[in-house]
Amino acid sequence: MIFHKAKELELQPRINYLAKMSMIFQGRRWIVSGRGDFHNFLIKRPELNRKFDLQIQDSRDIKRGQESAGIVTSDGCGLMPTIRTHKGMGLVNHVFTEDNLKKLYVSNLGIGHTRYATTGNCELENCQPFVVETLHGKIAVAHNGELINSVHLRRKLLRHGVGLSTGSDSEMITQLLAYTPPHERDDSPDWVARIKNLMKEAPTSYSLLIMHRDVIYAVRDPYGNRPLCIGRLIPVSDINGRGRNNSETEGWVVSSESCSFLSIGAVYYREILPGEIVKISRHNVQTLDTVPRSGGDPVAFCIFEYVYFARPDSIFEGQMVYTVRHRCGQQLAIEAPVDADLVSTVPESATPAALGYAGKCGLPYVEVLCKNRYVGRTFIQPNMRLRQLGVAKKFGVLSDNFKGKRIVLIDDSIVRGNTISPIIKLLKESGAKEVHIRVASPPIRFPCYMGINIPTKEELIANRPEFDDLAKYIGANSVVYLSVEGLISSVQEGMKLKKQKIEEQENIIQENGNGLKYFERDGHCTACLTGDYPVKLEW
């Protein structure tokens, strides 16, 4: 999260929902190091002397990181600005208190991170953002993703005498950015050259925020595997007004998900494109360069963002996640109908798919489970025991709604199979006549090496012997997953409509600078479903 000050920026902590991954100047949830999220950053015009609240994401809604959190702020003054840092283990609202936030209040800009580890131990030394000294002063870096060639890259850095103090690949990114390109002048840092060098050494997976002096650079890897978008801070009085698109811009925010913008008085501006290097200052947002993929490879945006990770009101690739999940439910109804009395969901990320399924089948949608909103997501708990304990506390049953009835229960995914079996048992013990499971995504069969915590094949239910008779194993009357083709078509249908719209609007093509070629190269990473990784893995 980044703040830009207006002469004096006084920030008061509020436990409030932000959103996902990286912080920009003021915005959504804090960035997660390694496998987490950037959250918003705000660059504010200095002539606007308005006070802003430093908003901290509520621990109940953190999806991208529960292990640690950190914020680095800067006053942005001169060649050697004052840098302030606070990091800690645990949830955001545990790490940041009113007392320890006071030292961060008076700042021009800042970045933040919440950690969801896929590499490196769960230790304070791995908390982001990382701060290092360079030839041109200190930089702070926050990273979301996971380097596919981290082992090779670590050896290379150590061979060249670069010391590493953590097990996090995010530290390696920071060290690569600190490397001085051969033709760079001592008095003028060439950040495009530094970032291009990073992209050459590490093709994927990362979204980055880099803070230097009074500027923040926002970067996506050339494959666009992890999300990153820009928001525009506008007067609060214009947030719900018809003229908000013409409102005065008071600052800029960057985040993994656009859903964080509204709560801090910002509106969605645009997505950062794959390979794009964006410079954000108090003056404007400027694209410095866009780095192409090698060999004309397609974009490889993580399809699991649509399936599970993202909040439904976020926007990716010009379409809302809710709409995509609704289409997945409709497609699932076509592929896997069943005789039943009602359709329900495992709250809450599967709700759009359940509504789509119910509408397509002509069955009523009825709530059968009540979610305890004070329990974090079980999928991203760091070990099995914590995940199982989380499931036990997560749901209540609305038995009056389904006694003696046949239920179609829609889930967004079944990864390890720890959650669904006790839920089915609970529903049947509470009076359900039948429970049919329909999963609005394909079986996950392969590990992810690009930022999702699916480390081994053995822990995936789709690779275990029980999967051959999964319905019996989990206690359901039937189980059917959405096909890979069905998921891809549901995701890309909205993108086709977007392409048609752009063909009719030449001004939009000119505005995004890439034209139709950008859309023609669109693609999605389905490696966890198919084993087809977008780049060659290096070990």
Foldseek 3Di string as FASTA:
>chain_A
DKAAAQCFEFAAEDAAAFFFAADQCATHEAHAAAQGGRGKRKAFANNDHDYFYRYHYHQLPGQGAFFKKKKWFWQLDDQETDIDIFIDTGHRVVRDDRVVCRVVGGGGIMMMHHHQDQWWDSDRVRTDQDWDAALRGIKTKGKHKFFLAQVVLVVVCVVVPNDDDTGGSNVSLVVLLRDQDPPDDSHDGDNVVSVVSSCVVTQDDIWMWMDHRQKIKTAGHQLNAAWKFKWFAFDQVCLPPPCVVVGDGRIMMMISWQVRASVRRIHTDTTQHHQWIWMGGNVGIDTPDRDHDPPLAFRAYALVCLLPRGDQQTDDLRDGSLQLLLLLLLLLLVVDPDDWAEEEEDDDSNPSSRVSVCVNVVHHYDYFKDFDSNQHQLQSDPDDVSSLVSLVRTIDGPLVGAAPTAYEYEYSAQFQPNRQLVVLVVNVVSHHPFYEYEYSAAFFQDDDNMRHNPHDRVRGPCNDPCVVVVCVVSVHPYYDYRDNVSSQCSVCVVSVVVLVVCVVPVVVQVVVPPHPVNSVSHDHNPCRRPVDGSDDRHD
